[in-house]
């Protein structure tokens, strides 16, 4: 089986998960790269994105909209990782970009660290609005995200990849 693993990563979080998926797929022929990678020969496509204001990146969206007759497994990272409900919402949004000629096998999301400029923005906003409890929660989430993707996230991504491969066989 030929497996394509393509991703768009800004901070390295999504790339780290893509590499974990690649490791789990090592018994198969692998096509690995960014959104410009040719995936026409792939039997299974893992496609990953960082989270851009609650959606996948524009590059991933454009790639998905052009895919047809593929088995697809979606993965991604998000700075906000507080709940599975949030990850499910991300999946529901990305799913809308995928033509119905494709088969979506599953999805995997985990938290990822954010750039320090985000923390700076939160601190500035808290200084201006100290009564805003949501900003404090956002800052706490930023601190929690600094350790992600962690070892458990990487192992969970590998297990996700194995499950998706089994669905193709």
Protein backbone atom coordinates (compact mmCIF):
# COMPACT_ATOMS: atom_id res chain seq x y z
CA UNK A 1 0.00 0.00 0.00
CA UNK A 2 1.22 3.53 -0.81
CA UNK A 3 0.65 6.02 1.99
CA UNK A 4 0.95 9.78 1.61
CA UNK A 5 1.61 11.87 4.70
CA UNK A 6 1.33 15.56 3.92
CA UNK A 7 1.11 18.45 6.31
CA UNK A 8 1.27 22.20 6.82
CA UNK A 9 3.17 23.23 9.95
CA UNK A 10 4.21 26.67 11.18
CA UNK A 11 5.71 26.01 14.63
CA UNK A 12 6.78 22.38 14.09
CA UNK A 13 3.94 20.80 16.09
CA UNK A 14 2.11 19.32 13.11
CA UNK A 15 5.40 18.23 11.55
CA UNK A 16 6.22 16.32 14.75
CA UNK A 17 2.90 14.47 14.53
CA UNK A 18 3.44 13.81 10.79
CA UNK A 19 6.81 12.26 11.57
CA UNK A 20 5.23 10.04 14.24
CA UNK A 21 2.63 8.87 11.70
CA UNK A 22 5.43 8.22 9.19
CA UNK A 23 7.24 6.07 11.75
CA UNK A 24 4.07 4.03 12.33
CA UNK A 25 3.68 3.50 8.56
CA UNK A 26 7.23 2.27 7.99
CA UNK A 27 6.15 -1.10 6.57
CA UNK A 28 4.55 0.64 3.59
CA UNK A 29 5.73 2.78 0.70
CA UNK A 30 5.58 6.36 1.96
CA UNK A 31 5.15 9.67 0.17
CA UNK A 32 6.04 12.40 2.70
CA UNK A 33 5.99 16.17 2.38
CA UNK A 34 4.18 19.48 2.29
CA UNK A 35 1.04 20.54 0.42
CA UNK A 36 2.90 20.59 -2.92
CA UNK A 37 3.63 16.86 -2.68
CA UNK A 38 2.09 14.71 -5.43
CA UNK A 39 -0.32 12.24 -3.79
CA UNK A 40 -1.96 10.83 -6.93
CA UNK A 41 -0.48 7.36 -6.41
CA UNK A 42 -1.43 7.12 -2.72
CA UNK A 43 -3.97 4.59 -1.50
CA UNK A 44 -4.27 6.37 1.84
CA UNK A 45 -3.64 10.07 2.53
CA UNK A 46 -2.85 11.41 5.99
CA UNK A 47 -3.27 15.18 5.83
CA UNK A 48 -2.38 17.44 8.72
CA UNK A 49 -2.77 21.08 9.62
CA UNK A 50 -2.07 23.57 12.31
CA UNK A 51 -5.16 25.37 13.57
CA UNK A 52 -5.83 28.82 12.20
CA UNK A 53 -8.58 30.55 14.21
CA UNK A 54 -10.54 27.32 14.58
CA UNK A 55 -9.95 26.02 11.05
CA UNK A 56 -7.31 24.20 9.06
CA UNK A 57 -4.74 26.26 7.20
CA UNK A 58 -5.65 27.73 3.82
CA UNK A 59 -3.08 25.46 2.10
CA UNK A 60 -4.69 22.35 3.58
CA UNK A 61 -8.17 23.57 2.70
CA UNK A 62 -7.15 24.11 -0.93
CA UNK A 63 -5.50 20.67 -1.13
CA UNK A 64 -8.54 18.96 0.36
CA UNK A 65 -10.95 20.69 -2.00
CA UNK A 66 -9.03 19.23 -4.97
CA UNK A 67 -8.88 15.64 -3.67
CA UNK A 68 -11.10 13.01 -5.21
CA UNK A 69 -11.53 9.28 -4.71
CA UNK A 70 -9.08 9.04 -1.82
CA UNK A 71 -9.13 7.43 1.60
CA UNK A 72 -8.27 10.27 3.96
CA UNK A 73 -7.14 10.42 7.58
CA UNK A 74 -7.04 13.89 9.10
CA UNK A 75 -4.67 15.02 11.82
CA UNK A 76 -3.83 18.33 13.39
CA UNK A 77 -2.53 20.35 16.27
CA UNK A 78 -4.14 23.23 18.11
CA UNK A 79 -2.90 25.63 20.75
CA UNK A 80 -6.19 25.30 22.59
CA UNK A 81 -6.40 21.70 23.71
CA UNK A 82 -8.85 21.88 26.53
CA UNK A 83 -11.43 19.38 25.32
CA UNK A 84 -12.28 16.63 22.89
CA UNK A 85 -15.34 18.70 22.00
CA UNK A 86 -13.07 21.42 20.63
CA UNK A 87 -11.12 18.86 18.56
CA UNK A 88 -14.41 17.44 17.25
CA UNK A 89 -15.47 20.94 16.17
CA UNK A 90 -12.17 21.33 14.29
CA UNK A 91 -12.82 18.03 12.53
CA UNK A 92 -16.38 19.03 11.60
CA UNK A 93 -15.08 22.26 10.02
CA UNK A 94 -12.32 20.57 8.01
CA UNK A 95 -14.73 17.83 6.90
CA UNK A 96 -16.76 20.46 5.05
CA UNK A 97 -13.79 21.08 2.71
CA UNK A 98 -13.62 17.46 1.54
CA UNK A 99 -15.51 16.40 -1.60
CA UNK A 100 -17.92 13.52 -1.03
CA UNK A 101 -16.07 11.34 -3.55
CA UNK A 102 -13.53 10.71 -0.77
CA UNK A 103 -13.79 8.43 2.24
CA UNK A 104 -12.75 9.92 5.58
CA UNK A 105 -11.37 7.14 7.77
CA UNK A 106 -10.84 9.12 10.95
CA UNK A 107 -9.18 12.05 12.64
CA UNK A 108 -6.63 12.82 15.32
CA UNK A 109 -5.91 16.11 17.08
CA UNK A 110 -3.64 17.07 19.93
CA UNK A 111 -2.50 20.22 21.63
CA UNK A 112 0.58 22.06 20.38
CA UNK A 113 2.70 24.85 21.76
CA UNK A 114 2.05 28.37 20.53
CA UNK A 115 4.53 31.15 19.65
CA UNK A 116 5.59 33.40 22.55
CA UNK A 117 3.97 36.34 20.77
CA UNK A 118 0.60 34.81 21.70
CA UNK A 119 1.53 34.91 25.40
CA UNK A 120 2.65 38.52 25.03
CA UNK A 121 -0.71 39.37 23.46
CA UNK A 122 -2.60 37.66 26.31
CA UNK A 123 -0.58 39.52 28.96
CA UNK A 124 -1.20 42.84 27.26
CA UNK A 125 -4.93 42.12 27.03
CA UNK A 126 -5.09 41.03 30.71
CA UNK A 127 -3.35 44.26 31.71
CA UNK A 128 -5.99 46.23 29.81
CA UNK A 129 -8.92 44.07 31.02
CA UNK A 130 -7.98 42.47 34.37
CA UNK A 131 -11.62 41.50 35.05
CA UNK A 132 -11.79 39.25 31.97
CA UNK A 133 -11.64 35.68 33.32
CA UNK A 134 -11.49 34.18 29.81
CA UNK A 135 -8.15 35.87 29.21
CA UNK A 136 -6.72 34.27 32.35
CA UNK A 137 -7.94 30.85 31.14
CA UNK A 138 -6.29 31.53 27.77
CA UNK A 139 -3.00 32.36 29.47
CA UNK A 140 -3.19 29.20 31.60
CA UNK A 141 -3.89 27.18 28.45
CA UNK A 142 -0.86 28.77 26.77
CA UNK A 143 1.36 27.57 29.62
CA UNK A 144 -0.10 24.06 29.47
CA UNK A 145 0.43 23.92 25.71
CA UNK A 146 4.18 24.59 26.04
CA UNK A 147 4.86 20.87 26.63
CA UNK A 148 2.86 19.62 23.64
CA UNK A 149 2.94 17.62 21.50
CA UNK A 150 4.35 15.44 24.26
CA UNK A 151 5.36 11.77 24.31
CA UNK A 152 1.76 10.63 24.85
CA UNK A 153 0.56 12.75 21.91
CA UNK A 154 3.23 11.17 19.68
CA UNK A 155 2.33 7.63 20.78
CA UNK A 156 -1.39 8.37 20.31
CA UNK A 157 -0.65 9.62 16.78
CA UNK A 158 1.18 6.38 15.97
CA UNK A 159 -1.74 4.34 17.25
CA UNK A 160 -4.12 6.47 15.16
CA UNK A 161 -1.99 5.73 12.07
CA UNK A 162 -2.08 1.99 12.72
CA UNK A 163 -5.89 2.05 13.09
CA UNK A 164 -6.27 3.98 9.81
CA UNK A 165 -4.04 1.49 7.97
CA UNK A 166 -6.14 -1.41 9.30
CA UNK A 167 -9.25 0.29 7.92
CA UNK A 168 -7.66 0.24 4.45
CA UNK A 169 -6.65 -3.42 4.39
